[in-house]
Amino acid sequence: MEFVDTHCHLYAEEFRSDYLQELNKARDLSVNSIILPAIDGETHEHLFQLAEQHASFYPLIGLHPTSVNENFKEELLLVEKYLSSKKVYGIGEVGIDLYWSKEFKKEQVYAFDYQIQLSLQHRLPLVVHSRDAFPEIFDVLKAYKNSSIFGVFHAFTGDLDTYKKMAELGDFAVGIGGIVTFKNSGLADVVEQIPLDRIVLETDSPYLAPTPHRGKRNAPSYIPLIAAKIAAVKNVTIEQVADVTTMTAKRIFKI
């Protein structure tokens, strides 16, 4: 049995003192591969330093929507610099987030569209962050409906109609993490109706720890808890969840 954590910020400040211990815990539980999504220029260098030290880390590059501000064009140039100088496995995380602020909405839309073009140009998967922004995300993606766009909708929390719209706009899987274990999230009912081969596992560490660790620091070693919940919802074994989600993750990220 083998797992992939397709979204983990193990380079974050929260892990500076003990990321190796957390990595070893994850390996002991068969979480053998970890995808590292990017945030912005403040953390890119540390992300790539870690990725170069561990063969099980797979770095992405991108500008997170909540990091889009006055200097976003400089940040996008930095994304392109890393694209040309480093081995990356996807463009992400990118997208639109209108939960925290709508101040730079226009700039977020521009940055998202720009990075979609980078993903197509380099034939890399797109890891999409959408918070309070599914209509805006879909409006941007409509222009690429007949392209070869593919990737993952990270931290998916939409309903079944949202999933169907997403699937019409590209070859996208959904990233399912700790939220599926939350009692009143409603996500489990949606996951029950999504084909297992369209799901990948993620923690979004250090955020969104699954039950019974909700509210604490998340970690890649909690992937089996997420897999167990999906197995229960879909009435399959955890081994089946591991096999299918790992196969999907490896296909998307070519790892």
C-alpha atoms as a PDB file:
ATOM      1  CA  MET A   1       0.000   0.000   0.000  1.00  0.00           C
ATOM      2  CA  GLU A   2       1.330   3.412  -1.014  1.00  0.00           C
ATOM      3  CA  PHE A   3      -0.012   6.943  -0.582  1.00  0.00           C
ATOM      4  CA  VAL A   4       0.743  10.313  -2.176  1.00  0.00           C
ATOM      5  CA  ASP A   5       0.112  13.569  -0.328  1.00  0.00           C
ATOM      6  CA  THR A   6      -0.634  15.794  -3.313  1.00  0.00           C
ATOM      7  CA  HIS A   7      -0.656  19.071  -1.378  1.00  0.00           C
ATOM      8  CA  CYS A   8       1.627  19.687   1.575  1.00  0.00           C
ATOM      9  CA  HIS A   9       3.501  22.830   2.664  1.00  0.00           C
ATOM     10  CA  LEU A  10       6.194  20.957   4.561  1.00  0.00           C
ATOM     11  CA  TYR A  11       8.561  23.859   3.895  1.00  0.00           C
ATOM     12  CA  ALA A  12       6.327  26.202   5.935  1.00  0.00           C
ATOM     13  CA  GLU A  13       7.545  27.998   9.051  1.00  0.00           C
ATOM     14  CA  GLU A  14       5.416  25.673  11.187  1.00  0.00           C
ATOM     15  CA  PHE A  15       7.728  22.763  10.263  1.00  0.00           C
ATOM     16  CA  ARG A  16      11.108  24.515  10.455  1.00  0.00           C
ATOM     17  CA  SER A  17      12.144  22.676  13.635  1.00  0.00           C
ATOM     18  CA  ASP A  18      10.834  19.178  12.942  1.00  0.00           C
ATOM     19  CA  TYR A  19      10.010  18.583   9.277  1.00  0.00           C
ATOM     20  CA  LEU A  20      12.339  15.553   9.189  1.00  0.00           C
ATOM     21  CA  GLN A  21      10.460  13.902  12.029  1.00  0.00           C
ATOM     22  CA  GLU A  22       7.178  14.544  10.247  1.00  0.00           C
ATOM     23  CA  LEU A  23       8.610  13.186   7.015  1.00  0.00           C
ATOM     24  CA  ASN A  24       9.710   9.992   8.764  1.00  0.00           C
ATOM     25  CA  LYS A  25       6.299   9.573  10.403  1.00  0.00           C
ATOM     26  CA  ALA A  26       4.697   9.852   6.979  1.00  0.00           C
ATOM     27  CA  ARG A  27       7.061   7.316   5.445  1.00  0.00           C
ATOM     28  CA  ASP A  28       6.334   4.869   8.272  1.00  0.00           C
ATOM     29  CA  LEU A  29       2.676   5.046   7.214  1.00  0.00           C
ATOM     30  CA  SER A  30       3.465   4.525   3.501  1.00  0.00           C
ATOM     31  CA  VAL A  31       3.086   8.166   2.474  1.00  0.00           C
ATOM     32  CA  ASN A  32       5.982   7.808   0.063  1.00  0.00           C
ATOM     33  CA  SER A  33       5.573  10.900  -2.131  1.00  0.00           C
ATOM     34  CA  ILE A  34       4.781  14.500  -1.228  1.00  0.00           C
ATOM     35  CA  ILE A  35       3.841  17.262  -3.659  1.00  0.00           C
ATOM     36  CA  LEU A  36       5.028  20.711  -2.512  1.00  0.00           C
ATOM     37  CA  PRO A  37       2.845  23.545  -3.873  1.00  0.00           C
ATOM     38  CA  ALA A  38       4.332  27.032  -4.006  1.00  0.00           C
ATOM     39  CA  ILE A  39       3.051  30.218  -2.375  1.00  0.00           C
ATOM     40  CA  ASP A  40       5.175  33.232  -3.378  1.00  0.00           C
ATOM     41  CA  GLY A  41       8.703  34.595  -3.576  1.00  0.00           C
ATOM     42  CA  GLU A  42       9.175  34.602   0.183  1.00  0.00           C
ATOM     43  CA  THR A  43       9.168  30.799   0.333  1.00  0.00           C
ATOM     44  CA  HIS A  44      10.183  29.560  -3.137  1.00  0.00           C
ATOM     45  CA  GLU A  45      13.858  29.189  -2.256  1.00  0.00           C
ATOM     46  CA  HIS A  46      13.220  27.122   0.858  1.00  0.00           C
ATOM     47  CA  LEU A  47      10.734  24.963  -1.039  1.00  0.00           C
ATOM     48  CA  PHE A  48      13.340  24.078  -3.660  1.00  0.00           C
ATOM     49  CA  GLN A  49      16.070  23.556  -1.075  1.00  0.00           C
ATOM     50  CA  LEU A  50      13.947  20.885   0.595  1.00  0.00           C
ATOM     51  CA  ALA A  51      12.946  19.337  -2.722  1.00  0.00           C
ATOM     52  CA  GLU A  52      16.592  18.997  -3.736  1.00  0.00           C
ATOM     53  CA  GLN A  53      17.390  17.194  -0.474  1.00  0.00           C
ATOM     54  CA  HIS A  54      14.657  14.542  -0.692  1.00  0.00           C
ATOM     55  CA  ALA A  55      13.788  12.415  -3.703  1.00  0.00           C
ATOM     56  CA  SER A  56      10.261  11.920  -2.349  1.00  0.00           C
ATOM     57  CA  PHE A  57       9.465  15.661  -2.642  1.00  0.00           C
ATOM     58  CA  TYR A  58       8.022  17.011  -5.886  1.00  0.00           C
ATOM     59  CA  PRO A  59       7.970  20.824  -6.141  1.00  0.00           C
ATOM     60  CA  LEU A  60       5.432  22.977  -7.940  1.00  0.00           C
ATOM     61  CA  ILE A  61       5.795  26.643  -8.816  1.00  0.00           C
ATOM     62  CA  GLY A  62       3.135  29.331  -8.864  1.00  0.00           C
ATOM     63  CA  LEU A  63       1.731  32.450  -7.253  1.00  0.00           C
ATOM     64  CA  HIS A  64      -0.949  31.814  -4.623  1.00  0.00           C
ATOM     65  CA  PRO A  65      -4.010  34.056  -5.118  1.00  0.00           C
ATOM     66  CA  THR A  66      -3.823  35.479  -1.588  1.00  0.00           C
ATOM     67  CA  SER A  67      -0.272  36.633  -2.379  1.00  0.00           C
ATOM     68  CA  VAL A  68      -1.445  38.678  -5.372  1.00  0.00           C
ATOM     69  CA  ASN A  69      -0.950  42.372  -4.599  1.00  0.00           C
ATOM     70  CA  GLU A  70       0.692  45.452  -6.119  1.00  0.00           C
ATOM     71  CA  ASN A  71       3.835  43.558  -7.157  1.00  0.00           C
ATOM     72  CA  PHE A  72       2.085  40.541  -8.664  1.00  0.00           C
ATOM     73  CA  LYS A  73       3.726  40.991 -12.073  1.00  0.00           C
ATOM     74  CA  GLU A  74       7.161  40.775 -10.457  1.00  0.00           C
ATOM     75  CA  GLU A  75       6.026  37.597  -8.722  1.00  0.00           C
ATOM     76  CA  LEU A  76       4.854  36.133 -12.035  1.00  0.00           C
ATOM     77  CA  LEU A  77       8.272  36.851 -13.551  1.00  0.00           C
ATOM     78  CA  LEU A  78       9.781  34.977 -10.611  1.00  0.00           C
ATOM     79  CA  VAL A  79       7.519  32.008 -11.377  1.00  0.00           C
ATOM     80  CA  GLU A  80       8.825  32.003 -14.943  1.00  0.00           C
ATOM     81  CA  LYS A  81      12.412  32.215 -13.697  1.00  0.00           C
ATOM     82  CA  TYR A  82      11.970  29.069 -11.615  1.00  0.00           C
ATOM     83  CA  LEU A  83      10.163  27.366 -14.477  1.00  0.00           C
ATOM     84  CA  SER A  84      13.203  27.853 -16.671  1.00  0.00           C
ATOM     85  CA  SER A  85      15.797  26.911 -14.055  1.00  0.00           C
ATOM     86  CA  LYS A  86      14.259  24.163 -11.883  1.00  0.00           C
ATOM     87  CA  LYS A  87      12.548  20.831 -12.381  1.00  0.00           C
ATOM     88  CA  VAL A  88       8.907  21.329 -11.434  1.00  0.00           C
ATOM     89  CA  TYR A  89       5.947  18.992 -11.568  1.00  0.00           C
ATOM     90  CA  GLY A  90       3.091  21.449 -11.907  1.00  0.00           C
ATOM     91  CA  ILE A  91       1.848  25.039 -11.724  1.00  0.00           C
ATOM     92  CA  GLY A  92       0.351  25.722  -8.340  1.00  0.00           C
ATOM     93  CA  GLU A  93      -1.126  26.607  -6.230  1.00  0.00           C
ATOM     94  CA  VAL A  94      -2.894  29.214  -8.316  1.00  0.00           C
ATOM     95  CA  GLY A  95      -6.440  30.442  -8.669  1.00  0.00           C
ATOM     96  CA  ILE A  96      -8.808  32.950  -7.089  1.00  0.00           C
ATOM     97  CA  ASP A  97      -9.585  33.517  -3.403  1.00  0.00           C
ATOM     98  CA  LEU A  98     -12.303  36.033  -2.530  1.00  0.00           C
ATOM     99  CA  TYR A  99     -12.752  34.887   1.063  1.00  0.00           C
ATOM    100  CA  TRP A 100     -10.070  37.041   2.642  1.00  0.00           C
ATOM    101  CA  SER A 101     -10.254  40.069   0.373  1.00  0.00           C
ATOM    102  CA  LYS A 102     -11.680  41.251  -2.948  1.00  0.00           C
ATOM    103  CA  GLU A 103      -9.243  44.172  -3.188  1.00  0.00           C
ATOM    104  CA  PHE A 104      -7.086  42.577  -5.888  1.00  0.00           C
ATOM    105  CA  LYS A 105      -9.792  40.552  -7.611  1.00  0.00           C
ATOM    106  CA  LYS A 106      -8.923  41.838 -11.099  1.00  0.00           C
ATOM    107  CA  GLU A 107      -5.244  41.110 -10.514  1.00  0.00           C
ATOM    108  CA  GLN A 108      -6.065  37.615  -9.212  1.00  0.00           C
ATOM    109  CA  VAL A 109      -8.020  36.876 -12.386  1.00  0.00           C
ATOM    110  CA  TYR A 110      -5.106  38.123 -14.511  1.00  0.00           C
ATOM    111  CA  ALA A 111      -2.554  36.063 -12.551  1.00  0.00           C
ATOM    112  CA  PHE A 112      -4.699  32.938 -12.764  1.00  0.00           C
ATOM    113  CA  ASP A 113      -5.162  33.270 -16.514  1.00  0.00           C
ATOM    114  CA  TYR A 114      -1.451  33.973 -16.989  1.00  0.00           C
ATOM    115  CA  GLN A 115      -0.478  30.850 -15.077  1.00  0.00           C
ATOM    116  CA  ILE A 116      -2.973  28.705 -16.963  1.00  0.00           C
ATOM    117  CA  GLN A 117      -1.095  29.728 -20.090  1.00  0.00           C
ATOM    118  CA  LEU A 118       2.191  28.710 -18.446  1.00  0.00           C
ATOM    119  CA  SER A 119       0.739  25.300 -17.590  1.00  0.00           C
ATOM    120  CA  LEU A 120      -0.328  24.766 -21.198  1.00  0.00           C
ATOM    121  CA  GLN A 121       2.954  26.046 -22.595  1.00  0.00           C
ATOM    122  CA  HIS A 122       4.981  23.702 -20.395  1.00  0.00           C
ATOM    123  CA  ARG A 123       2.427  20.845 -20.434  1.00  0.00           C
ATOM    124  CA  LEU A 124       2.227  20.809 -16.670  1.00  0.00           C
ATOM    125  CA  PRO A 125      -0.758  20.124 -14.405  1.00  0.00           C
ATOM    126  CA  LEU A 126      -2.544  23.066 -12.837  1.00  0.00           C
ATOM    127  CA  VAL A 127      -3.292  23.000  -9.093  1.00  0.00           C
ATOM    128  CA  VAL A 128      -6.279  25.278  -8.572  1.00  0.00           C
ATOM    129  CA  HIS A 129      -7.119  27.081  -5.334  1.00  0.00           C
ATOM    130  CA  SER A 130     -10.718  28.294  -5.227  1.00  0.00           C
ATOM    131  CA  ARG A 131     -12.285  29.866  -2.167  1.00  0.00           C
ATOM    132  CA  ASP A 132     -15.593  31.691  -2.504  1.00  0.00           C
ATOM    133  CA  ALA A 133     -14.717  31.907  -6.191  1.00  0.00           C
ATOM    134  CA  PHE A 134     -16.043  28.970  -8.203  1.00  0.00           C
ATOM    135  CA  PRO A 135     -18.020  31.220 -10.633  1.00  0.00           C
ATOM    136  CA  GLU A 136     -14.965  33.409 -11.226  1.00  0.00           C
ATOM    137  CA  ILE A 137     -12.689  30.364 -11.638  1.00  0.00           C
ATOM    138  CA  PHE A 138     -15.077  28.823 -14.161  1.00  0.00           C
ATOM    139  CA  ASP A 139     -15.377  32.088 -16.097  1.00  0.00           C
ATOM    140  CA  VAL A 140     -11.602  32.035 -16.636  1.00  0.00           C
ATOM    141  CA  LEU A 141     -11.464  28.330 -17.471  1.00  0.00           C
ATOM    142  CA  LYS A 142     -14.225  28.577 -20.097  1.00  0.00           C
ATOM    143  CA  ALA A 143     -11.733  30.126 -22.516  1.00  0.00           C
ATOM    144  CA  TYR A 144      -9.631  26.946 -22.280  1.00  0.00           C
ATOM    145  CA  LYS A 145     -12.441  24.389 -22.507  1.00  0.00           C
ATOM    146  CA  ASN A 146     -11.120  22.843 -25.724  1.00  0.00           C
ATOM    147  CA  SER A 147      -7.473  22.916 -24.661  1.00  0.00           C
ATOM    148  CA  SER A 148      -5.375  20.177 -23.043  1.00  0.00           C
ATOM    149  CA  ILE A 149      -5.721  21.700 -19.576  1.00  0.00           C
ATOM    150  CA  PHE A 150      -5.497  19.231 -16.692  1.00  0.00           C
ATOM    151  CA  GLY A 151      -4.712  19.075 -13.002  1.00  0.00           C
ATOM    152  CA  VAL A 152      -6.310  19.164  -9.555  1.00  0.00           C
ATOM    153  CA  PHE A 153      -8.909  21.319  -7.837  1.00  0.00           C
ATOM    154  CA  HIS A 154      -7.183  21.581  -4.470  1.00  0.00           C
ATOM    155  CA  ALA A 155      -9.225  21.400  -1.231  1.00  0.00           C
ATOM    156  CA  PHE A 156     -12.413  20.768  -3.174  1.00  0.00           C
ATOM    157  CA  THR A 157     -15.511  21.765  -1.204  1.00  0.00           C
ATOM    158  CA  GLY A 158     -18.083  22.179  -3.957  1.00  0.00           C
ATOM    159  CA  ASP A 159     -21.318  20.271  -4.479  1.00  0.00           C
ATOM    160  CA  LEU A 160     -21.949  17.686  -7.191  1.00  0.00           C
ATOM    161  CA  ASP A 161     -23.042  20.311  -9.738  1.00  0.00           C
ATOM    162  CA  THR A 162     -19.798  22.195  -9.112  1.00  0.00           C
ATOM    163  CA  TYR A 163     -17.844  18.998  -9.704  1.00  0.00           C
ATOM    164  CA  LYS A 164     -19.677  18.371 -12.973  1.00  0.00           C
ATOM    165  CA  LYS A 165     -18.989  21.915 -14.213  1.00  0.00           C
ATOM    166  CA  MET A 166     -15.330  21.499 -13.277  1.00  0.00           C
ATOM    167  CA  ALA A 167     -15.108  18.197 -15.145  1.00  0.00           C
ATOM    168  CA  GLU A 168     -16.580  19.796 -18.278  1.00  0.00           C
ATOM    169  CA  LEU A 169     -13.850  22.443 -18.374  1.00  0.00           C
ATOM    170  CA  GLY A 170     -10.783  20.207 -18.221  1.00  0.00           C
ATOM    171  CA  ASP A 171      -9.249  16.926 -17.159  1.00  0.00           C
ATOM    172  CA  PHE A 172      -9.399  17.705 -13.445  1.00  0.00           C
ATOM    173  CA  ALA A 173      -9.302  15.523 -10.355  1.00  0.00           C
ATOM    174  CA  VAL A 174     -10.377  16.797  -6.947  1.00  0.00           C
ATOM    175  CA  GLY A 175      -8.047  17.062  -3.967  1.00  0.00           C
ATOM    176  CA  ILE A 176      -9.761  15.709  -0.862  1.00  0.00           C
ATOM    177  CA  GLY A 177      -8.287  16.420   2.560  1.00  0.00           C
ATOM    178  CA  GLY A 178      -9.232  16.722   6.202  1.00  0.00           C
ATOM    179  CA  ILE A 179     -12.505  18.559   5.535  1.00  0.00           C
ATOM    180  CA  VAL A 180     -14.090  15.271   4.442  1.00  0.00           C
ATOM    181  CA  THR A 181     -13.746  14.059   8.049  1.00  0.00           C
ATOM    182  CA  PHE A 182     -15.525  17.098   9.536  1.00  0.00           C
ATOM    183  CA  LYS A 183     -18.929  16.092  10.858  1.00  0.00           C
ATOM    184  CA  ASN A 184     -20.997  18.905   9.359  1.00  0.00           C
ATOM    185  CA  SER A 185     -19.011  19.750   6.222  1.00  0.00           C
ATOM    186  CA  GLY A 186     -21.294  17.802   3.866  1.00  0.00           C
ATOM    187  CA  LEU A 187     -18.265  16.911   1.756  1.00  0.00           C
ATOM    188  CA  ALA A 188     -18.532  13.184   2.440  1.00  0.00           C
ATOM    189  CA  ASP A 189     -21.923  13.093   0.673  1.00  0.00           C
ATOM    190  CA  VAL A 190     -20.359  14.719  -2.392  1.00  0.00           C
ATOM    191  CA  VAL A 191     -17.295  12.445  -2.343  1.00  0.00           C
ATOM    192  CA  GLU A 192     -19.609   9.431  -2.304  1.00  0.00           C
ATOM    193  CA  GLN A 193     -20.824  10.459  -5.780  1.00  0.00           C
ATOM    194  CA  ILE A 194     -17.441  11.348  -7.316  1.00  0.00           C
ATOM    195  CA  PRO A 195     -15.643   8.462  -9.078  1.00  0.00           C
ATOM    196  CA  LEU A 196     -12.719   7.226  -7.015  1.00  0.00           C
ATOM    197  CA  ASP A 197     -10.341   7.609  -9.958  1.00  0.00           C
ATOM    198  CA  ARG A 198     -11.101  11.363 -10.005  1.00  0.00           C
ATOM    199  CA  ILE A 199      -9.903  11.822  -6.417  1.00  0.00           C
ATOM    200  CA  VAL A 200      -6.425  12.464  -5.041  1.00  0.00           C
ATOM    201  CA  LEU A 201      -5.487  12.691  -1.372  1.00  0.00           C
ATOM    202  CA  GLU A 202      -4.002  15.779   0.236  1.00  0.00           C
ATOM    203  CA  THR A 203      -3.408  17.257   3.666  1.00  0.00           C
ATOM    204  CA  ASP A 204      -2.708  20.936   2.920  1.00  0.00           C
ATOM    205  CA  SER A 205      -0.365  20.726   5.906  1.00  0.00           C
ATOM    206  CA  PRO A 206      -0.018  22.578   8.207  1.00  0.00           C
ATOM    207  CA  TYR A 207      -3.683  23.525   7.683  1.00  0.00           C
ATOM    208  CA  LEU A 208      -7.019  21.669   7.905  1.00  0.00           C
ATOM    209  CA  ALA A 209      -6.031  18.675  10.034  1.00  0.00           C
ATOM    210  CA  PRO A 210      -8.552  15.828   9.897  1.00  0.00           C
ATOM    211  CA  THR A 211     -10.605  14.584  12.809  1.00  0.00           C
ATOM    212  CA  PRO A 212      -9.516  13.716  15.543  1.00  0.00           C
ATOM    213  CA  HIS A 213      -6.726  16.306  15.137  1.00  0.00           C
ATOM    214  CA  ARG A 214      -8.938  19.150  13.932  1.00  0.00           C
ATOM    215  CA  GLY A 215      -7.633  22.530  15.028  1.00  0.00           C
ATOM    216  CA  LYS A 216      -4.067  21.271  15.449  1.00  0.00           C
ATOM    217  CA  ARG A 217      -1.157  21.349  13.036  1.00  0.00           C
ATOM    218  CA  ASN A 218      -1.785  19.065  10.077  1.00  0.00           C
ATOM    219  CA  ALA A 219       0.894  16.666   8.826  1.00  0.00           C
ATOM    220  CA  PRO A 220       1.395  14.274   5.886  1.00  0.00           C
ATOM    221  CA  SER A 221       1.188  11.298   8.269  1.00  0.00           C
ATOM    222  CA  TYR A 222      -2.558  12.004   8.517  1.00  0.00           C
ATOM    223  CA  ILE A 223      -3.179  10.953   4.913  1.00  0.00           C
ATOM    224  CA  PRO A 224      -4.315   7.445   6.015  1.00  0.00           C
ATOM    225  CA  LEU A 225      -7.060   9.049   8.159  1.00  0.00           C
ATOM    226  CA  ILE A 226      -8.395  10.819   5.079  1.00  0.00           C
ATOM    227  CA  ALA A 227      -8.133   7.615   3.032  1.00  0.00           C
ATOM    228  CA  ALA A 228      -9.992   5.669   5.717  1.00  0.00           C
ATOM    229  CA  LYS A 229     -12.874   8.151   5.668  1.00  0.00           C
ATOM    230  CA  ILE A 230     -13.127   7.970   1.877  1.00  0.00           C
ATOM    231  CA  ALA A 231     -13.047   4.168   2.068  1.00  0.00           C
ATOM    232  CA  ALA A 232     -15.922   4.179   4.564  1.00  0.00           C
ATOM    233  CA  VAL A 233     -17.963   6.631   2.491  1.00  0.00           C
ATOM    234  CA  LYS A 234     -17.480   4.626  -0.702  1.00  0.00           C
ATOM    235  CA  ASN A 235     -17.717   1.198   0.950  1.00  0.00           C
ATOM    236  CA  VAL A 236     -14.341   0.050  -0.360  1.00  0.00           C
ATOM    237  CA  THR A 237     -11.105  -0.919   1.363  1.00  0.00           C
ATOM    238  CA  ILE A 238      -8.434   1.562   2.337  1.00  0.00           C
ATOM    239  CA  GLU A 239      -6.094  -0.438   0.087  1.00  0.00           C
ATOM    240  CA  GLN A 240      -8.356   0.313  -2.875  1.00  0.00           C
ATOM    241  CA  VAL A 241      -8.382   4.010  -2.006  1.00  0.00           C
ATOM    242  CA  ALA A 242      -4.587   3.991  -1.723  1.00  0.00           C
ATOM    243  CA  ASP A 243      -4.106   2.150  -5.016  1.00  0.00           C
ATOM    244  CA  VAL A 244      -6.504   4.234  -7.104  1.00  0.00           C
ATOM    245  CA  THR A 245      -5.665   7.672  -5.692  1.00  0.00           C
ATOM    246  CA  THR A 246      -1.936   6.981  -5.929  1.00  0.00           C
ATOM    247  CA  MET A 247      -2.289   5.900  -9.553  1.00  0.00           C
ATOM    248  CA  THR A 248      -4.226   9.074 -10.345  1.00  0.00           C
ATOM    249  CA  ALA A 249      -1.691  11.294  -8.571  1.00  0.00           C
ATOM    250  CA  LYS A 250       1.225   9.676 -10.384  1.00  0.00           C
ATOM    251  CA  ARG A 251      -0.560  10.094 -13.717  1.00  0.00           C
ATOM    252  CA  ILE A 252      -1.287  13.770 -13.151  1.00  0.00           C
ATOM    253  CA  PHE A 253       2.103  14.787 -11.782  1.00  0.00           C
ATOM    254  CA  LYS A 254       4.160  12.271 -13.781  1.00  0.00           C
ATOM    255  CA  ILE A 255       6.032  11.014 -10.746  1.00  0.00           C
END
